[in-house]
Amino acid sequence: MTTISLKLPERLLELLEAESRARRTTKSSLVRECLEKTLTAPPSGGKATCYDLAQDLAGSLKGLPRDLATNPKFMEGFGQ
């Protein structure tokens, strides 16, 4: 890993230290996690897809056919 340094206002540093203590993790690990979540998040402005909003639900239902969205027999009457 590459090392970087940054300057933080006192209040932000206090929040970072408190959160890292609460999670029992390092400040570096917490900063990496926050950066990854922020930089990989869908763009703001309402441009998120339905999948972006519900991706944590994808594949969570058991017992459904694997081809539910592509097999024409399951699409009969859809949208009627």
C-alpha atoms as a PDB file:
ATOM      1  CA  MET A   1       0.000   0.000   0.000  1.00  0.00           C
ATOM      2  CA  THR A   2       1.025   3.543  -0.644  1.00  0.00           C
ATOM      3  CA  THR A   3       1.150   5.990   2.235  1.00  0.00           C
ATOM      4  CA  ILE A   4      -0.378   9.448   2.020  1.00  0.00           C
ATOM      5  CA  SER A   5      -0.697  12.212   4.577  1.00  0.00           C
ATOM      6  CA  LEU A   6      -3.472  14.722   4.990  1.00  0.00           C
ATOM      7  CA  LYS A   7      -4.455  17.559   7.246  1.00  0.00           C
ATOM      8  CA  LEU A   8      -7.718  17.336   9.176  1.00  0.00           C
ATOM      9  CA  PRO A   9      -9.551  19.944  11.195  1.00  0.00           C
ATOM     10  CA  GLU A  10      -9.591  19.109  14.911  1.00  0.00           C
ATOM     11  CA  ARG A  11     -13.315  18.309  14.913  1.00  0.00           C
ATOM     12  CA  LEU A  12     -12.981  15.834  12.044  1.00  0.00           C
ATOM     13  CA  LEU A  13     -10.004  14.184  13.717  1.00  0.00           C
ATOM     14  CA  GLU A  14     -12.014  13.837  16.936  1.00  0.00           C
ATOM     15  CA  LEU A  15     -14.871  12.198  15.031  1.00  0.00           C
ATOM     16  CA  LEU A  16     -12.447   9.856  13.255  1.00  0.00           C
ATOM     17  CA  GLU A  17     -10.772   8.843  16.510  1.00  0.00           C
ATOM     18  CA  ALA A  18     -14.096   8.284  18.279  1.00  0.00           C
ATOM     19  CA  GLU A  19     -15.460   6.155  15.436  1.00  0.00           C
ATOM     20  CA  SER A  20     -12.283   4.102  15.156  1.00  0.00           C
ATOM     21  CA  ARG A  21     -12.376   3.420  18.909  1.00  0.00           C
ATOM     22  CA  ALA A  22     -16.069   2.469  18.718  1.00  0.00           C
ATOM     23  CA  ARG A  23     -15.378   0.042  15.867  1.00  0.00           C
ATOM     24  CA  ARG A  24     -12.105  -1.165  17.386  1.00  0.00           C
ATOM     25  CA  THR A  25     -10.250  -0.522  14.158  1.00  0.00           C
ATOM     26  CA  THR A  26      -7.475   1.760  13.018  1.00  0.00           C
ATOM     27  CA  LYS A  27      -8.021   5.281  11.760  1.00  0.00           C
ATOM     28  CA  SER A  28      -6.335   4.275   8.496  1.00  0.00           C
ATOM     29  CA  SER A  29      -8.728   1.372   7.991  1.00  0.00           C
ATOM     30  CA  LEU A  30     -11.722   3.590   8.674  1.00  0.00           C
ATOM     31  CA  VAL A  31     -10.499   6.267   6.250  1.00  0.00           C
ATOM     32  CA  ARG A  32      -9.951   3.614   3.541  1.00  0.00           C
ATOM     33  CA  GLU A  33     -13.465   2.245   4.110  1.00  0.00           C
ATOM     34  CA  CYS A  34     -15.048   5.706   3.919  1.00  0.00           C
ATOM     35  CA  LEU A  35     -13.093   6.621   0.794  1.00  0.00           C
ATOM     36  CA  GLU A  36     -14.050   3.389  -0.927  1.00  0.00           C
ATOM     37  CA  LYS A  37     -17.752   3.808  -0.108  1.00  0.00           C
ATOM     38  CA  THR A  38     -17.747   7.407  -1.273  1.00  0.00           C
ATOM     39  CA  LEU A  39     -15.711   6.945  -4.430  1.00  0.00           C
ATOM     40  CA  THR A  40     -17.549   3.823  -5.617  1.00  0.00           C
ATOM     41  CA  ALA A  41     -21.051   5.126  -4.828  1.00  0.00           C
ATOM     42  CA  PRO A  42     -23.372   5.828  -7.752  1.00  0.00           C
ATOM     43  CA  PRO A  43     -23.353   9.451  -8.895  1.00  0.00           C
ATOM     44  CA  SER A  44     -25.716  11.764  -7.062  1.00  0.00           C
ATOM     45  CA  GLY A  45     -28.425  13.707  -8.807  1.00  0.00           C
ATOM     46  CA  GLY A  46     -30.971  10.929  -9.132  1.00  0.00           C
ATOM     47  CA  LYS A  47     -29.009   8.951 -11.692  1.00  0.00           C
ATOM     48  CA  ALA A  48     -28.883   5.743  -9.663  1.00  0.00           C
ATOM     49  CA  THR A  49     -30.473   2.739 -11.337  1.00  0.00           C
ATOM     50  CA  CYS A  50     -33.039   0.506  -9.655  1.00  0.00           C
ATOM     51  CA  TYR A  51     -30.302  -2.083  -9.280  1.00  0.00           C
ATOM     52  CA  ASP A  52     -28.015   0.461  -7.568  1.00  0.00           C
ATOM     53  CA  LEU A  53     -30.735   1.163  -5.026  1.00  0.00           C
ATOM     54  CA  ALA A  54     -31.642  -2.479  -4.385  1.00  0.00           C
ATOM     55  CA  GLN A  55     -28.414  -4.377  -5.086  1.00  0.00           C
ATOM     56  CA  ASP A  56     -28.269  -5.644  -1.509  1.00  0.00           C
ATOM     57  CA  LEU A  57     -31.557  -7.472  -2.207  1.00  0.00           C
ATOM     58  CA  ALA A  58     -30.430  -9.107  -5.466  1.00  0.00           C
ATOM     59  CA  GLY A  59     -30.359 -12.859  -5.079  1.00  0.00           C
ATOM     60  CA  SER A  60     -31.823 -12.774  -1.583  1.00  0.00           C
ATOM     61  CA  LEU A  61     -35.010 -14.712  -2.426  1.00  0.00           C
ATOM     62  CA  LYS A  62     -34.649 -18.484  -2.492  1.00  0.00           C
ATOM     63  CA  GLY A  63     -36.666 -20.954  -4.516  1.00  0.00           C
ATOM     64  CA  LEU A  64     -37.321 -18.794  -7.589  1.00  0.00           C
ATOM     65  CA  PRO A  65     -36.531 -19.990 -11.132  1.00  0.00           C
ATOM     66  CA  ARG A  66     -33.052 -18.957 -12.335  1.00  0.00           C
ATOM     67  CA  ASP A  67     -34.446 -17.651 -15.629  1.00  0.00           C
ATOM     68  CA  LEU A  68     -37.322 -15.637 -14.137  1.00  0.00           C
ATOM     69  CA  ALA A  69     -36.438 -12.413 -15.965  1.00  0.00           C
ATOM     70  CA  THR A  70     -35.572 -13.953 -19.341  1.00  0.00           C
ATOM     71  CA  ASN A  71     -37.919 -16.902 -19.882  1.00  0.00           C
ATOM     72  CA  PRO A  72     -40.937 -15.781 -21.957  1.00  0.00           C
ATOM     73  CA  LYS A  73     -43.305 -18.113 -20.090  1.00  0.00           C
ATOM     74  CA  PHE A  74     -42.812 -16.074 -16.914  1.00  0.00           C
ATOM     75  CA  MET A  75     -43.505 -12.843 -18.798  1.00  0.00           C
ATOM     76  CA  GLU A  76     -47.008 -13.801 -20.004  1.00  0.00           C
ATOM     77  CA  GLY A  77     -49.453 -11.117 -18.924  1.00  0.00           C
ATOM     78  CA  PHE A  78     -46.706  -8.877 -17.542  1.00  0.00           C
ATOM     79  CA  GLY A  79     -47.681  -5.211 -17.843  1.00  0.00           C
ATOM     80  CA  GLN A  80     -51.309  -5.975 -18.682  1.00  0.00           C
END
